[in-house]
Amino acid sequence: MVSQEWLAQAPKVSDALKKGMAVSVATWSGQEITGTVCDREQAGLLLEVREPGTDSEVYSFLPWSSIEQVKIREVAQRRVKYLPG
């Protein structure tokens, strides 16, 4: 059985994919895209990515249906106070 305290402290998708989070996305076509989350919505995920060999940033929109996996190094969790039941 999972403890209530652990559940209260577990990260949420909204925290993991909030604006400014560094992520690496694997697509179903085998492409790996690393960038910073700019926005997420029902249609998909918008990332700011660096173009290889340049200092310029570009934006990549990834529909949810094209995403196989999202890797997140660190999740900035909300502070939740655990109240024993």
N, C-alpha and C. Protein backbone atom coordinates (compact mmCIF):
# COMPACT_ATOMS: atom_id res chain seq x y z
N MET A 1 0.84 -1.19 0.00
CA MET A 1 0.00 0.00 0.00
C MET A 1 0.89 1.25 0.00
N VAL A 2 0.50 2.26 -0.75
CA VAL A 2 1.27 3.49 -0.88
C VAL A 2 0.87 4.44 0.25
N SER A 3 1.89 5.03 0.88
CA SER A 3 1.59 5.93 2.00
C SER A 3 0.98 7.23 1.50
N GLN A 4 0.12 7.81 2.30
CA GLN A 4 -0.52 9.08 1.96
C GLN A 4 0.50 10.21 1.87
N GLU A 5 1.55 10.13 2.70
CA GLU A 5 2.59 11.17 2.68
C GLU A 5 3.32 11.16 1.34
N TRP A 6 3.66 9.96 0.84
CA TRP A 6 4.34 9.87 -0.44
C TRP A 6 3.44 10.43 -1.56
N LEU A 7 2.18 10.07 -1.53
CA LEU A 7 1.25 10.57 -2.55
C LEU A 7 1.15 12.08 -2.53
N ALA A 8 1.16 12.68 -1.35
CA ALA A 8 1.07 14.13 -1.24
C ALA A 8 2.32 14.81 -1.79
N GLN A 9 3.47 14.13 -1.72
CA GLN A 9 4.73 14.71 -2.18
C GLN A 9 5.10 14.32 -3.60
N ALA A 10 4.38 13.39 -4.20
CA ALA A 10 4.70 12.94 -5.56
C ALA A 10 4.51 14.09 -6.55
N PRO A 11 5.39 14.19 -7.55
CA PRO A 11 5.25 15.27 -8.54
C PRO A 11 3.98 15.12 -9.37
N LYS A 12 3.53 16.21 -9.91
CA LYS A 12 2.35 16.24 -10.77
C LYS A 12 2.78 16.60 -12.19
N VAL A 13 2.01 16.18 -13.18
CA VAL A 13 2.31 16.49 -14.57
C VAL A 13 2.39 18.00 -14.77
N SER A 14 1.49 18.73 -14.14
CA SER A 14 1.49 20.19 -14.30
C SER A 14 2.78 20.81 -13.77
N ASP A 15 3.41 20.20 -12.76
CA ASP A 15 4.69 20.68 -12.26
C ASP A 15 5.83 20.28 -13.20
N ALA A 16 5.79 19.05 -13.69
CA ALA A 16 6.85 18.52 -14.53
C ALA A 16 6.92 19.20 -15.89
N LEU A 17 5.78 19.59 -16.43
CA LEU A 17 5.75 20.18 -17.76
C LEU A 17 5.40 21.67 -17.74
N LYS A 18 5.71 22.34 -16.64
CA LYS A 18 5.41 23.77 -16.59
C LYS A 18 6.46 24.56 -17.35
N LYS A 19 6.14 25.77 -17.67
CA LYS A 19 7.01 26.65 -18.44
C LYS A 19 8.38 26.76 -17.76
N GLY A 20 9.44 26.62 -18.57
CA GLY A 20 10.79 26.75 -18.06
C GLY A 20 11.48 25.45 -17.69
N MET A 21 10.75 24.32 -17.70
CA MET A 21 11.34 23.03 -17.35
C MET A 21 12.14 22.47 -18.53
N ALA A 22 13.35 21.96 -18.25
CA ALA A 22 14.17 21.32 -19.27
C ALA A 22 13.71 19.88 -19.43
N VAL A 23 13.43 19.48 -20.68
CA VAL A 23 12.94 18.13 -20.95
C VAL A 23 13.63 17.56 -22.18
N SER A 24 13.56 16.26 -22.30
CA SER A 24 14.01 15.55 -23.49
C SER A 24 12.84 14.70 -23.96
N VAL A 25 12.44 14.87 -25.20
CA VAL A 25 11.26 14.20 -25.73
C VAL A 25 11.67 13.18 -26.79
N ALA A 26 11.21 11.94 -26.62
CA ALA A 26 11.39 10.91 -27.63
C ALA A 26 10.09 10.78 -28.41
N THR A 27 10.18 10.89 -29.73
CA THR A 27 8.98 10.78 -30.56
C THR A 27 8.84 9.34 -31.06
N TRP A 28 7.65 9.01 -31.52
CA TRP A 28 7.40 7.67 -32.05
C TRP A 28 8.24 7.40 -33.29
N SER A 29 8.69 8.45 -33.99
CA SER A 29 9.53 8.26 -35.19
C SER A 29 10.99 8.05 -34.83
N GLY A 30 11.34 8.10 -33.53
CA GLY A 30 12.70 7.84 -33.11
C GLY A 30 13.55 9.08 -32.91
N GLN A 31 12.97 10.25 -33.10
CA GLN A 31 13.71 11.50 -32.92
C GLN A 31 13.76 11.86 -31.44
N GLU A 32 14.89 12.41 -31.00
CA GLU A 32 15.05 12.88 -29.61
C GLU A 32 15.21 14.40 -29.67
N ILE A 33 14.33 15.12 -28.98
CA ILE A 33 14.35 16.58 -28.98
C ILE A 33 14.53 17.05 -27.54
N THR A 34 15.57 17.86 -27.32
CA THR A 34 15.83 18.40 -25.99
C THR A 34 15.59 19.90 -26.03
N GLY A 35 14.84 20.38 -25.04
CA GLY A 35 14.54 21.81 -25.01
C GLY A 35 13.90 22.22 -23.70
N THR A 36 13.39 23.43 -23.72
CA THR A 36 12.74 24.01 -22.55
C THR A 36 11.26 24.19 -22.85
N VAL A 37 10.41 23.78 -21.93
CA VAL A 37 8.96 23.90 -22.12
C VAL A 37 8.56 25.37 -22.17
N CYS A 38 7.88 25.75 -23.24
CA CYS A 38 7.32 27.10 -23.37
C CYS A 38 5.85 27.09 -22.99
N ASP A 39 5.16 26.02 -23.41
CA ASP A 39 3.73 25.93 -23.15
C ASP A 39 3.29 24.48 -23.36
N ARG A 40 2.18 24.14 -22.75
CA ARG A 40 1.54 22.85 -22.99
C ARG A 40 0.05 23.10 -22.99
N GLU A 41 -0.62 22.39 -23.83
CA GLU A 41 -2.08 22.51 -23.90
C GLU A 41 -2.64 21.18 -24.38
N GLN A 42 -3.92 21.13 -24.57
CA GLN A 42 -4.59 19.90 -24.96
C GLN A 42 -4.04 19.32 -26.27
N ALA A 43 -3.58 20.19 -27.18
CA ALA A 43 -3.09 19.74 -28.48
C ALA A 43 -1.67 19.19 -28.43
N GLY A 44 -0.84 19.70 -27.52
CA GLY A 44 0.54 19.22 -27.49
C GLY A 44 1.46 20.08 -26.64
N LEU A 45 2.75 19.97 -26.94
CA LEU A 45 3.81 20.58 -26.15
C LEU A 45 4.64 21.50 -27.04
N LEU A 46 4.92 22.72 -26.59
CA LEU A 46 5.74 23.67 -27.33
C LEU A 46 7.07 23.80 -26.60
N LEU A 47 8.18 23.50 -27.33
CA LEU A 47 9.52 23.57 -26.76
C LEU A 47 10.35 24.63 -27.46
N GLU A 48 11.23 25.26 -26.69
CA GLU A 48 12.26 26.11 -27.27
C GLU A 48 13.51 25.25 -27.35
N VAL A 49 14.07 25.12 -28.55
CA VAL A 49 15.25 24.28 -28.75
C VAL A 49 16.34 25.09 -29.44
N ARG A 50 17.57 24.75 -29.18
CA ARG A 50 18.71 25.39 -29.84
C ARG A 50 18.99 24.67 -31.16
N GLU A 51 19.24 25.45 -32.21
CA GLU A 51 19.63 24.86 -33.48
C GLU A 51 21.08 24.43 -33.38
N PRO A 52 21.40 23.20 -33.78
CA PRO A 52 22.79 22.73 -33.70
C PRO A 52 23.74 23.65 -34.47
N GLY A 53 24.86 24.00 -33.85
CA GLY A 53 25.88 24.82 -34.51
C GLY A 53 25.59 26.31 -34.52
N THR A 54 24.49 26.74 -33.87
CA THR A 54 24.17 28.17 -33.84
C THR A 54 23.78 28.56 -32.42
N ASP A 55 23.67 29.85 -32.21
CA ASP A 55 23.20 30.35 -30.91
C ASP A 55 21.73 30.71 -30.94
N SER A 56 21.07 30.44 -32.07
CA SER A 56 19.67 30.84 -32.19
C SER A 56 18.73 29.76 -31.66
N GLU A 57 17.62 30.22 -31.11
CA GLU A 57 16.60 29.31 -30.63
C GLU A 57 15.47 29.22 -31.65
N VAL A 58 14.89 28.05 -31.72
CA VAL A 58 13.70 27.85 -32.54
C VAL A 58 12.67 27.17 -31.66
N TYR A 59 11.45 27.18 -32.11
CA TYR A 59 10.36 26.56 -31.35
C TYR A 59 9.86 25.34 -32.09
N SER A 60 9.65 24.28 -31.35
CA SER A 60 9.12 23.04 -31.92
C SER A 60 7.81 22.71 -31.22
N PHE A 61 6.76 22.53 -32.02
CA PHE A 61 5.48 22.08 -31.47
C PHE A 61 5.37 20.59 -31.70
N LEU A 62 5.09 19.85 -30.64
CA LEU A 62 4.95 18.40 -30.73
C LEU A 62 3.55 17.99 -30.30
N PRO A 63 2.74 17.49 -31.24
CA PRO A 63 1.42 17.00 -30.84
C PRO A 63 1.59 15.81 -29.89
N TRP A 64 0.70 15.68 -28.94
CA TRP A 64 0.79 14.58 -27.97
C TRP A 64 0.86 13.22 -28.67
N SER A 65 0.18 13.07 -29.79
CA SER A 65 0.16 11.79 -30.50
C SER A 65 1.53 11.41 -31.07
N SER A 66 2.45 12.38 -31.21
CA SER A 66 3.78 12.08 -31.74
C SER A 66 4.79 11.78 -30.63
N ILE A 67 4.41 11.98 -29.38
CA ILE A 67 5.33 11.83 -28.26
C ILE A 67 5.23 10.44 -27.66
N GLU A 68 6.38 9.75 -27.61
CA GLU A 68 6.43 8.43 -26.98
C GLU A 68 6.79 8.55 -25.50
N GLN A 69 7.76 9.42 -25.20
CA GLN A 69 8.23 9.55 -23.82
C GLN A 69 8.79 10.95 -23.59
N VAL A 70 8.60 11.46 -22.38
CA VAL A 70 9.19 12.73 -21.97
C VAL A 70 10.06 12.46 -20.75
N LYS A 71 11.34 12.83 -20.85
CA LYS A 71 12.25 12.66 -19.72
C LYS A 71 12.45 14.02 -19.07
N ILE A 72 12.31 14.04 -17.76
CA ILE A 72 12.43 15.28 -16.99
C ILE A 72 13.46 15.02 -15.90
N ARG A 73 14.50 15.84 -15.87
CA ARG A 73 15.56 15.61 -14.89
C ARG A 73 15.13 15.93 -13.48
N GLU A 74 14.51 17.06 -13.32
CA GLU A 74 14.15 17.51 -11.98
C GLU A 74 12.80 18.19 -12.03
N VAL A 75 11.96 17.87 -11.08
CA VAL A 75 10.63 18.46 -11.02
C VAL A 75 10.58 19.42 -9.85
N ALA A 76 10.24 20.68 -10.12
CA ALA A 76 10.07 21.65 -9.05
C ALA A 76 8.68 21.43 -8.47
N GLN A 77 8.64 20.77 -7.33
CA GLN A 77 7.36 20.40 -6.75
C GLN A 77 6.76 21.56 -5.96
N ARG A 78 5.45 21.55 -5.96
CA ARG A 78 4.73 22.49 -5.11
C ARG A 78 4.90 22.06 -3.68
N ARG A 79 4.91 23.01 -2.80
CA ARG A 79 4.99 22.66 -1.39
C ARG A 79 3.60 22.32 -0.89
N VAL A 80 3.48 21.10 -0.39
CA VAL A 80 2.20 20.62 0.10
C VAL A 80 2.38 20.25 1.57
N LYS A 81 1.53 20.77 2.38
CA LYS A 81 1.59 20.41 3.79
C LYS A 81 0.75 19.16 4.00
N TYR A 82 1.37 18.17 4.60
CA TYR A 82 0.68 16.90 4.85
C TYR A 82 -0.06 17.01 6.18
N LEU A 83 -1.34 16.79 6.12
CA LEU A 83 -2.15 16.80 7.33
C LEU A 83 -2.61 15.37 7.61
N PRO A 84 -2.16 14.81 8.74
CA PRO A 84 -2.58 13.44 9.03
C PRO A 84 -4.10 13.33 9.15
N GLY A 85 -4.62 12.26 8.59
CA GLY A 85 -6.06 12.08 8.54
C GLY A 85 -6.54 11.45 9.77
